[in-house]
N, C-alpha and C. Protein backbone atom coordinates (compact mmCIF):
# COMPACT_ATOMS: atom_id res chain seq x y z
N MET A 1 28.27 -2.51 -20.81
CA MET A 1 28.38 -3.33 -19.63
C MET A 1 28.49 -4.79 -20.06
N SER A 2 29.43 -5.45 -19.49
CA SER A 2 29.66 -6.85 -19.79
C SER A 2 28.66 -7.72 -19.04
N ILE A 3 28.41 -8.90 -19.55
CA ILE A 3 27.47 -9.80 -18.90
C ILE A 3 28.04 -10.34 -17.60
N THR A 4 29.35 -10.31 -17.46
CA THR A 4 29.98 -10.80 -16.23
C THR A 4 30.14 -9.71 -15.19
N THR A 5 29.84 -8.47 -15.51
CA THR A 5 29.98 -7.37 -14.57
C THR A 5 28.77 -7.31 -13.65
N LEU A 6 29.02 -7.13 -12.36
CA LEU A 6 27.93 -7.04 -11.40
C LEU A 6 27.52 -5.60 -11.13
N ASN A 7 28.35 -4.65 -11.51
CA ASN A 7 28.05 -3.24 -11.25
C ASN A 7 27.21 -2.68 -12.39
N THR A 8 26.27 -1.80 -12.02
CA THR A 8 25.48 -1.12 -13.04
C THR A 8 26.23 0.12 -13.47
N PRO A 9 26.05 0.57 -14.70
CA PRO A 9 26.75 1.76 -15.16
C PRO A 9 26.24 2.99 -14.42
N GLU A 10 27.10 3.95 -14.23
CA GLU A 10 26.73 5.20 -13.57
C GLU A 10 25.86 6.03 -14.51
N PRO A 11 24.76 6.61 -14.01
CA PRO A 11 23.93 7.44 -14.87
C PRO A 11 24.64 8.75 -15.20
N THR A 12 24.44 9.21 -16.39
CA THR A 12 25.02 10.49 -16.80
C THR A 12 23.97 11.57 -16.67
N GLY A 13 24.38 12.81 -16.68
CA GLY A 13 23.46 13.93 -16.54
C GLY A 13 22.56 14.10 -17.73
N ALA A 14 22.89 13.51 -18.88
CA ALA A 14 22.10 13.70 -20.08
C ALA A 14 20.88 12.79 -20.12
N GLN A 15 20.79 11.81 -19.22
CA GLN A 15 19.66 10.89 -19.24
C GLN A 15 18.43 11.52 -18.59
N ALA A 16 17.25 11.13 -19.07
CA ALA A 16 16.00 11.63 -18.51
C ALA A 16 15.74 10.92 -17.18
N PRO A 17 15.09 11.61 -16.23
CA PRO A 17 14.76 10.95 -14.97
C PRO A 17 13.76 9.82 -15.20
N HIS A 18 13.77 8.81 -14.31
CA HIS A 18 12.92 7.64 -14.49
C HIS A 18 11.56 7.79 -13.83
N SER A 19 11.36 8.77 -12.96
CA SER A 19 10.08 8.92 -12.29
C SER A 19 9.24 9.96 -13.01
N GLY A 20 7.96 9.70 -13.10
CA GLY A 20 7.05 10.65 -13.74
C GLY A 20 7.21 10.64 -15.24
N GLN A 21 6.98 11.79 -15.85
CA GLN A 21 7.11 11.90 -17.29
C GLN A 21 8.58 12.06 -17.65
N ALA A 22 8.95 11.52 -18.78
CA ALA A 22 10.34 11.59 -19.22
C ALA A 22 10.71 13.04 -19.52
N GLY A 23 11.80 13.49 -18.96
CA GLY A 23 12.31 14.81 -19.25
C GLY A 23 11.75 15.93 -18.40
N ILE A 24 10.73 15.68 -17.59
CA ILE A 24 10.14 16.72 -16.75
C ILE A 24 10.48 16.41 -15.31
N HIS A 25 11.22 17.29 -14.71
CA HIS A 25 11.60 17.10 -13.31
C HIS A 25 10.48 17.67 -12.44
N PRO A 26 10.15 17.04 -11.29
CA PRO A 26 9.06 17.53 -10.45
C PRO A 26 9.22 18.98 -10.02
N VAL A 27 10.45 19.44 -9.84
CA VAL A 27 10.66 20.83 -9.43
C VAL A 27 10.28 21.78 -10.55
N SER A 28 10.49 21.37 -11.80
CA SER A 28 10.17 22.26 -12.91
C SER A 28 8.67 22.47 -13.04
N LEU A 29 7.86 21.55 -12.54
CA LEU A 29 6.41 21.73 -12.59
C LEU A 29 5.98 22.86 -11.67
N LEU A 30 6.67 23.02 -10.54
CA LEU A 30 6.31 24.09 -9.61
C LEU A 30 6.71 25.45 -10.15
N ARG A 31 7.68 25.50 -11.00
CA ARG A 31 8.14 26.78 -11.54
C ARG A 31 7.19 27.35 -12.57
N ARG A 32 6.30 26.55 -13.10
CA ARG A 32 5.37 27.03 -14.11
C ARG A 32 4.14 27.69 -13.51
N GLY A 33 4.08 27.80 -12.22
CA GLY A 33 2.95 28.45 -11.58
C GLY A 33 1.82 27.50 -11.26
N GLU A 34 2.06 26.21 -11.40
CA GLU A 34 1.02 25.25 -11.06
C GLU A 34 0.96 25.11 -9.54
N PRO A 35 -0.24 24.87 -8.99
CA PRO A 35 -0.34 24.76 -7.53
C PRO A 35 0.36 23.51 -7.02
N CYS A 36 0.81 23.58 -5.78
CA CYS A 36 1.45 22.44 -5.14
C CYS A 36 0.41 21.36 -4.90
N PRO A 37 0.81 20.10 -4.96
CA PRO A 37 -0.16 19.03 -4.68
C PRO A 37 -0.62 19.10 -3.23
N LEU A 38 -1.86 18.70 -3.01
CA LEU A 38 -2.41 18.72 -1.66
C LEU A 38 -1.76 17.63 -0.82
N PRO A 39 -1.62 17.87 0.47
CA PRO A 39 -1.05 16.83 1.32
C PRO A 39 -2.02 15.65 1.42
N GLY A 40 -1.48 14.49 1.74
CA GLY A 40 -2.29 13.28 1.86
C GLY A 40 -3.17 13.33 3.10
N PRO A 41 -3.95 12.31 3.32
CA PRO A 41 -4.81 12.29 4.50
C PRO A 41 -3.99 12.23 5.78
N GLU A 42 -4.58 12.72 6.84
CA GLU A 42 -3.88 12.72 8.14
C GLU A 42 -3.73 11.28 8.62
N LYS A 43 -2.55 10.96 9.13
CA LYS A 43 -2.29 9.61 9.61
C LYS A 43 -2.95 9.39 10.95
N MET A 44 -3.48 8.17 11.12
CA MET A 44 -4.11 7.81 12.37
C MET A 44 -3.02 7.37 13.35
N ARG A 45 -3.05 7.89 14.55
CA ARG A 45 -2.03 7.56 15.54
C ARG A 45 -2.66 7.39 16.90
N GLY A 46 -1.90 6.77 17.79
CA GLY A 46 -2.27 6.69 19.19
C GLY A 46 -3.42 5.77 19.49
N LEU A 47 -4.26 6.20 20.43
CA LEU A 47 -5.36 5.39 20.93
C LEU A 47 -6.38 5.07 19.84
N ARG A 48 -6.61 6.01 18.95
CA ARG A 48 -7.56 5.77 17.86
C ARG A 48 -7.09 4.62 16.97
N LEU A 49 -5.80 4.59 16.65
CA LEU A 49 -5.25 3.51 15.83
C LEU A 49 -5.37 2.16 16.54
N VAL A 50 -5.08 2.14 17.83
CA VAL A 50 -5.19 0.90 18.60
C VAL A 50 -6.65 0.44 18.63
N ALA A 51 -7.59 1.37 18.81
CA ALA A 51 -9.01 1.01 18.85
C ALA A 51 -9.47 0.43 17.51
N VAL A 52 -9.01 1.00 16.42
CA VAL A 52 -9.39 0.48 15.10
C VAL A 52 -8.82 -0.91 14.90
N TRP A 53 -7.56 -1.13 15.29
CA TRP A 53 -6.96 -2.46 15.14
C TRP A 53 -7.68 -3.50 16.00
N VAL A 54 -8.04 -3.13 17.21
CA VAL A 54 -8.76 -4.06 18.09
C VAL A 54 -10.13 -4.39 17.50
N ALA A 55 -10.82 -3.37 17.00
CA ALA A 55 -12.14 -3.60 16.41
C ALA A 55 -12.05 -4.48 15.17
N LEU A 56 -11.07 -4.24 14.32
CA LEU A 56 -10.91 -5.08 13.13
C LEU A 56 -10.55 -6.51 13.49
N THR A 57 -9.71 -6.67 14.50
CA THR A 57 -9.34 -8.02 14.94
C THR A 57 -10.54 -8.75 15.50
N ALA A 58 -11.32 -8.07 16.33
CA ALA A 58 -12.52 -8.70 16.91
C ALA A 58 -13.52 -9.05 15.81
N ALA A 59 -13.69 -8.16 14.85
CA ALA A 59 -14.63 -8.43 13.76
C ALA A 59 -14.17 -9.62 12.92
N SER A 60 -12.88 -9.72 12.67
CA SER A 60 -12.40 -10.85 11.87
C SER A 60 -12.57 -12.17 12.62
N TRP A 61 -12.34 -12.15 13.94
CA TRP A 61 -12.55 -13.37 14.72
C TRP A 61 -14.04 -13.73 14.77
N ALA A 62 -14.91 -12.73 14.82
CA ALA A 62 -16.35 -12.99 14.83
C ALA A 62 -16.79 -13.62 13.51
N VAL A 63 -16.27 -13.10 12.41
CA VAL A 63 -16.60 -13.67 11.10
C VAL A 63 -16.07 -15.10 11.00
N LEU A 64 -14.85 -15.31 11.45
CA LEU A 64 -14.27 -16.65 11.42
C LEU A 64 -15.06 -17.61 12.30
N GLY A 65 -15.44 -17.16 13.49
CA GLY A 65 -16.24 -17.99 14.38
C GLY A 65 -17.61 -18.30 13.80
N GLY A 66 -18.24 -17.32 13.19
CA GLY A 66 -19.54 -17.53 12.56
C GLY A 66 -19.45 -18.51 11.40
N ALA A 67 -18.41 -18.38 10.60
CA ALA A 67 -18.22 -19.31 9.48
C ALA A 67 -17.94 -20.71 9.99
N GLY A 68 -17.15 -20.81 11.04
CA GLY A 68 -16.85 -22.12 11.63
C GLY A 68 -18.10 -22.78 12.20
N TYR A 69 -18.90 -21.99 12.90
CA TYR A 69 -20.12 -22.55 13.48
C TYR A 69 -21.11 -22.93 12.37
N GLY A 70 -21.17 -22.13 11.31
CA GLY A 70 -22.03 -22.46 10.18
C GLY A 70 -21.62 -23.75 9.52
N LEU A 71 -20.32 -23.95 9.37
CA LEU A 71 -19.81 -25.20 8.80
C LEU A 71 -20.11 -26.37 9.73
N TYR A 72 -19.95 -26.15 11.03
CA TYR A 72 -20.26 -27.19 12.01
C TYR A 72 -21.73 -27.58 11.94
N ALA A 73 -22.61 -26.56 11.88
CA ALA A 73 -24.06 -26.84 11.81
C ALA A 73 -24.40 -27.56 10.51
N LEU A 74 -23.76 -27.21 9.40
CA LEU A 74 -24.02 -27.85 8.13
C LEU A 74 -23.60 -29.32 8.17
N VAL A 75 -22.42 -29.59 8.69
CA VAL A 75 -21.94 -30.97 8.78
C VAL A 75 -22.82 -31.76 9.74
N GLN A 76 -23.23 -31.16 10.84
CA GLN A 76 -24.09 -31.82 11.83
C GLN A 76 -25.43 -32.18 11.22
N SER A 77 -25.98 -31.31 10.37
CA SER A 77 -27.28 -31.60 9.77
C SER A 77 -27.18 -32.75 8.76
N PHE A 78 -26.03 -32.88 8.10
CA PHE A 78 -25.87 -33.99 7.15
C PHE A 78 -25.69 -35.33 7.87
N MET A 79 -25.17 -35.30 9.06
CA MET A 79 -24.91 -36.53 9.80
C MET A 79 -26.15 -37.07 10.47
N LEU A 80 -27.14 -36.24 10.67
CA LEU A 80 -28.35 -36.71 11.36
C LEU A 80 -29.32 -37.34 10.44
């Protein structure tokens, strides 16, 4: 590939895949009798997700408000 070329070379079939271990395709792991990987955790959806976002937002504002008031009280005590 030339330095002035913007296109990347086409991969050939002889190259090893770039994901996982070199030379081992994920499908070949299943053929050896190894168990399938477990599915990931269940995704949170709907009202439960909204409730968690609202609670996290309220908690972050409470922490921010508490830190702000603490800073205000600290500055006020130095001024007196």
